[in-house]
Amino acid sequence: MGSIPAFGSKMEKFSDSGFGNIIKNPQEGGGGFNSVFEGLKKRKAAALELIENTSFEQKVVNREEISKLLEVSEFLKLFVSRHGKETSRGVLDNLVSELNNSDFWNDVFRTGDGGFDDKTDSFYYLSPSHLSLRLKTANLPNGLESVVQPFNEIIVFEKDGQISENPKMGYTVSEFLSKDFLNLQKTSSSTVGDFISPLKFHKSLGTVDIKQEFFKHLGHEVSKIDFSNKHKKYD
């Protein structure tokens, strides 16, 4: 499965390998290898049928929000062009301060592995329709240019099989990104209209259609929520 590229890097083609995210292979009974193989084939077929019969939605983001997102994207490109090679925590704190001063964000939260750690936890910023920006703090020794990630068009939170569209403490983050949305971020804000995501998102399963091309980032647990639901989502 493709991973989300660092800010400004080239994307690679996604290869379909998403089954492990939908079903967990059980222990099969006796009958040897053939029995196990047949059992897995049946479970795979059942999972595909479930996906086919599950309702999905395609996100639509209005042009005002896209225009604002592109303004933020241009700011990030400029900031990275000036400070991309720097590795000090101070330059990251300056970027965070600038982003926090924007009234664009609906949610701001952190994620980490094993509780909150201000030194290593990633920052997440969600727009009103939950387009997500991630600052991967752990990459700072490689330069700020490795910290700033592209915006993703879909984000979902999961814990013990429970799916949430909103950040919740202890829930694990998954983000999904299409090539169309990455390319959109290179567009002038004066030329865009509404954006219709090509990704078919299965809300009840918390994933996109695995037959599509996409990039997925599986993150850590939400470790701190700075604020949430500041704005109502766009219709």
Protein backbone atom coordinates (compact mmCIF):
# COMPACT_ATOMS: atom_id res chain seq x y z
CA MET A 1 0.00 0.00 0.00
CA GLY A 2 1.34 3.42 -0.85
CA SER A 3 2.35 5.71 1.97
CA ILE A 4 1.69 9.43 2.02
CA PRO A 5 4.69 11.28 0.56
CA ALA A 6 6.49 14.07 2.36
CA PHE A 7 5.58 17.63 1.39
CA GLY A 8 6.48 18.22 -2.25
CA SER A 9 7.76 14.70 -2.95
CA LYS A 10 6.68 12.43 -5.79
CA MET A 11 3.87 9.93 -5.28
CA GLU A 12 4.22 6.29 -6.22
CA LYS A 13 1.50 4.08 -7.62
CA PHE A 14 -0.66 2.25 -5.10
CA SER A 15 -0.83 -1.53 -5.30
CA ASP A 16 -3.99 -3.17 -3.99
CA SER A 17 -3.20 -4.95 -0.72
CA GLY A 18 -5.92 -3.72 1.57
CA PHE A 19 -7.58 -6.90 2.80
CA GLY A 20 -5.87 -6.95 6.14
CA ASN A 21 -7.64 -3.73 7.06
CA ILE A 22 -11.09 -5.26 6.62
CA ILE A 23 -10.89 -8.85 7.87
CA LYS A 24 -8.53 -10.53 10.26
CA ASN A 25 -7.66 -14.06 9.16
CA PRO A 26 -8.99 -16.54 11.73
CA GLN A 27 -7.42 -19.81 12.76
CA GLU A 28 -8.80 -22.52 10.51
CA GLY A 29 -9.68 -26.02 11.63
CA GLY A 30 -8.19 -29.30 10.37
CA GLY A 31 -7.87 -30.39 6.78
CA GLY A 32 -4.36 -29.16 6.04
CA PHE A 33 -3.26 -26.41 3.68
CA ASN A 34 -6.03 -26.86 1.13
CA SER A 35 -8.68 -26.46 3.82
CA VAL A 36 -7.06 -23.28 5.10
CA PHE A 37 -6.69 -21.90 1.58
CA GLU A 38 -10.32 -22.60 0.70
CA GLY A 39 -11.44 -21.00 3.94
CA LEU A 40 -9.47 -17.85 3.19
CA LYS A 41 -10.87 -17.70 -0.35
CA LYS A 42 -14.42 -17.89 1.00
CA ARG A 43 -13.74 -15.17 3.57
CA LYS A 44 -12.18 -12.96 0.92
CA ALA A 45 -15.21 -13.43 -1.34
CA ALA A 46 -17.52 -12.65 1.59
CA ALA A 47 -15.58 -9.48 2.40
CA LEU A 48 -15.73 -8.31 -1.23
CA GLU A 49 -19.48 -8.96 -1.29
CA LEU A 50 -19.85 -6.97 1.93
CA ILE A 51 -17.98 -4.05 0.39
CA GLU A 52 -20.03 -4.20 -2.81
CA ASN A 53 -23.27 -4.13 -0.81
CA THR A 54 -22.19 -1.43 1.65
CA SER A 55 -23.29 2.09 0.88
CA PHE A 56 -20.51 4.54 0.18
CA GLU A 57 -20.19 8.27 -0.21
CA GLN A 58 -17.90 10.64 -2.12
CA LYS A 59 -16.85 13.76 -0.28
CA VAL A 60 -17.75 17.12 -1.84
CA VAL A 61 -15.86 20.20 -0.64
CA ASN A 62 -17.11 23.62 -1.69
CA ARG A 63 -14.92 26.08 -3.53
CA GLU A 64 -14.65 28.51 -0.59
CA GLU A 65 -13.07 25.87 1.61
CA ILE A 66 -10.79 24.64 -1.18
CA SER A 67 -9.69 28.22 -1.86
CA LYS A 68 -8.83 28.70 1.80
CA LEU A 69 -7.00 25.39 1.91
CA LEU A 70 -4.90 26.43 -1.07
CA GLU A 71 -4.02 29.69 0.67
CA VAL A 72 -2.75 27.66 3.62
CA SER A 73 -0.90 25.35 1.24
CA GLU A 74 0.85 28.33 -0.39
CA PHE A 75 1.84 29.62 3.05
CA LEU A 76 3.29 26.20 3.93
CA LYS A 77 5.27 26.04 0.68
CA LEU A 78 6.76 29.47 1.37
CA PHE A 79 7.57 28.61 4.99
CA VAL A 80 9.22 25.33 3.95
CA SER A 81 11.18 27.05 1.18
CA ARG A 82 12.69 29.35 3.81
CA HIS A 83 13.12 26.92 6.70
CA GLY A 84 12.92 23.43 5.18
CA LYS A 85 16.46 22.40 6.13
CA GLU A 86 16.20 23.62 9.72
CA THR A 87 15.94 21.05 12.51
CA SER A 88 15.33 23.16 15.61
CA ARG A 89 12.16 22.81 17.67
CA GLY A 90 11.90 26.58 17.58
CA VAL A 91 11.18 26.70 13.84
CA LEU A 92 8.45 24.05 14.27
CA ASP A 93 6.96 26.00 17.17
CA ASN A 94 6.89 29.11 14.97
CA LEU A 95 5.00 27.21 12.26
CA VAL A 96 2.54 25.80 14.80
CA SER A 97 1.96 29.29 16.18
CA GLU A 98 1.21 30.64 12.70
CA LEU A 99 -1.24 27.81 11.98
CA ASN A 100 -2.92 28.18 15.36
CA ASN A 101 -3.62 31.83 14.61
CA SER A 102 -5.78 30.87 11.63
CA ASP A 103 -9.54 30.65 12.13
CA PHE A 104 -9.77 28.01 9.39
CA TRP A 105 -9.42 24.96 11.63
CA ASN A 106 -12.33 22.99 13.00
CA ASP A 107 -10.18 20.64 15.10
CA VAL A 108 -6.57 20.57 16.32
CA PHE A 109 -5.20 17.49 18.06
CA ARG A 110 -2.05 15.41 18.60
CA THR A 111 -1.24 11.74 18.15
CA GLY A 112 1.42 9.62 19.77
CA ASP A 113 2.46 6.15 20.75
CA GLY A 114 1.80 5.43 24.42
CA GLY A 115 0.43 8.66 25.87
CA PHE A 116 1.04 12.34 25.27
CA ASP A 117 4.61 13.49 24.59
CA ASP A 118 4.97 17.10 23.49
CA LYS A 119 8.45 16.44 22.08
CA THR A 120 7.45 13.75 19.58
CA ASP A 121 3.68 13.75 19.05
CA SER A 122 2.36 14.77 15.64
CA PHE A 123 0.08 17.78 15.15
CA TYR A 124 -3.14 17.44 13.15
CA TYR A 125 -5.27 20.27 11.77
CA LEU A 126 -8.75 19.59 10.35
CA SER A 127 -10.67 21.94 8.11
CA PRO A 128 -14.46 22.36 8.50
CA SER A 129 -15.09 19.35 6.21
CA HIS A 130 -12.22 17.42 7.80
CA LEU A 131 -9.50 17.81 5.22
CA SER A 132 -6.45 16.98 7.32
CA LEU A 133 -2.98 18.49 7.63
CA ARG A 134 -0.32 16.60 9.61
CA LEU A 135 2.95 17.87 11.04
CA LYS A 136 5.08 14.81 11.77
CA THR A 137 7.20 16.04 14.67
CA ALA A 138 9.31 12.88 14.76
CA ASN A 139 10.77 13.81 11.35
CA LEU A 140 12.20 17.11 12.58
CA PRO A 141 15.82 15.80 12.76
CA ASN A 142 15.56 15.39 8.95
CA GLY A 143 14.46 19.00 8.49
CA LEU A 144 11.14 20.82 8.58
CA GLU A 145 10.51 19.84 4.96
CA SER A 146 10.07 16.25 6.21
CA VAL A 147 7.66 17.36 8.94
CA VAL A 148 5.00 19.06 6.79
CA GLN A 149 2.78 16.51 5.04
CA PRO A 150 0.27 17.07 2.20
CA PHE A 151 -3.39 17.60 3.04
CA ASN A 152 -5.49 14.43 3.00
CA GLU A 153 -9.11 14.37 1.88
CA ILE A 154 -10.49 11.72 4.26
CA ILE A 155 -9.66 11.04 7.89
CA VAL A 156 -11.27 8.48 10.19
CA PHE A 157 -10.77 7.39 13.80
CA GLU A 158 -11.08 3.80 15.07
CA LYS A 159 -10.88 1.96 18.37
CA ASP A 160 -11.91 -1.64 19.04
CA GLY A 161 -13.98 -1.73 15.85
CA GLN A 162 -15.79 1.53 16.65
CA ILE A 163 -15.57 4.17 13.91
CA SER A 164 -15.73 7.93 14.48
CA GLU A 165 -15.57 10.86 12.07
CA ASN A 166 -14.30 13.12 14.87
CA PRO A 167 -11.11 12.94 16.94
CA LYS A 168 -11.51 11.03 20.20
CA MET A 169 -8.93 10.28 22.85
CA GLY A 170 -7.32 6.87 22.35
CA TYR A 171 -8.70 6.38 18.83
CA THR A 172 -6.26 5.52 16.02
CA VAL A 173 -6.04 7.77 12.97
CA SER A 174 -6.28 6.67 9.34
CA GLU A 175 -5.97 9.12 6.43
CA PHE A 176 -6.71 8.61 2.75
CA LEU A 177 -5.40 10.61 -0.19
CA SER A 178 -6.10 10.43 -3.92
CA LYS A 179 -3.76 11.59 -6.65
CA ASP A 180 -6.45 14.07 -7.74
CA PHE A 181 -6.42 15.76 -4.35
CA LEU A 182 -2.63 15.91 -4.21
CA ASN A 183 -2.57 17.51 -7.67
CA LEU A 184 -5.25 19.97 -6.61
CA GLN A 185 -2.88 21.33 -3.98
CA LYS A 186 -0.62 22.56 -6.79
CA THR A 187 -3.46 24.64 -8.28
CA SER A 188 -4.00 28.40 -8.06
CA SER A 189 -6.82 29.28 -5.63
CA SER A 190 -8.32 31.62 -8.25
CA THR A 191 -9.10 28.77 -10.66
CA VAL A 192 -10.80 26.12 -8.56
CA GLY A 193 -14.40 25.05 -8.11
CA ASP A 194 -15.97 22.50 -5.80
CA PHE A 195 -13.90 19.37 -5.29
CA ILE A 196 -15.52 15.95 -5.59
CA SER A 197 -13.29 13.25 -4.17
CA PRO A 198 -12.85 10.24 -6.46
CA LEU A 199 -12.50 8.01 -3.38
CA LYS A 200 -15.53 5.93 -2.50
CA PHE A 201 -15.64 5.95 1.29
CA HIS A 202 -17.45 3.21 3.20
CA LYS A 203 -18.42 5.01 6.39
CA SER A 204 -19.54 1.94 8.31
CA LEU A 205 -16.26 0.14 7.55
CA GLY A 206 -14.03 3.17 8.01
CA THR A 207 -12.19 2.61 4.74
CA VAL A 208 -12.25 3.42 1.05
CA ASP A 209 -12.99 1.00 -1.78
CA ILE A 210 -9.87 -1.18 -1.92
CA LYS A 211 -10.19 -1.54 -5.70
CA GLN A 212 -9.31 2.14 -6.13
CA GLU A 213 -5.88 3.74 -6.23
CA PHE A 214 -5.15 5.65 -3.05
CA PHE A 215 -2.52 6.41 -0.44
CA LYS A 216 -3.15 5.57 3.18
CA HIS A 217 -1.47 6.76 6.35
CA LEU A 218 -2.13 4.69 9.45
CA GLY A 219 -1.21 6.87 12.40
CA HIS A 220 -1.01 6.61 16.17
CA GLU A 221 -3.64 7.16 18.83
CA VAL A 222 -5.09 10.56 19.62
CA SER A 223 -3.12 11.70 22.66
CA LYS A 224 -4.42 15.26 23.14
CA ILE A 225 -7.27 17.37 21.72
CA ASP A 226 -6.41 21.06 21.66
CA PHE A 227 -9.89 21.97 20.46
CA SER A 228 -12.69 20.34 18.51
CA ASN A 229 -15.82 21.31 16.55
CA LYS A 230 -14.91 24.97 16.36
CA HIS A 231 -16.91 25.37 13.17
CA LYS A 232 -19.84 23.52 11.71
CA LYS A 233 -18.88 21.39 8.72
CA TYR A 234 -19.66 22.72 5.29
CA ASP A 235 -22.69 21.17 3.64
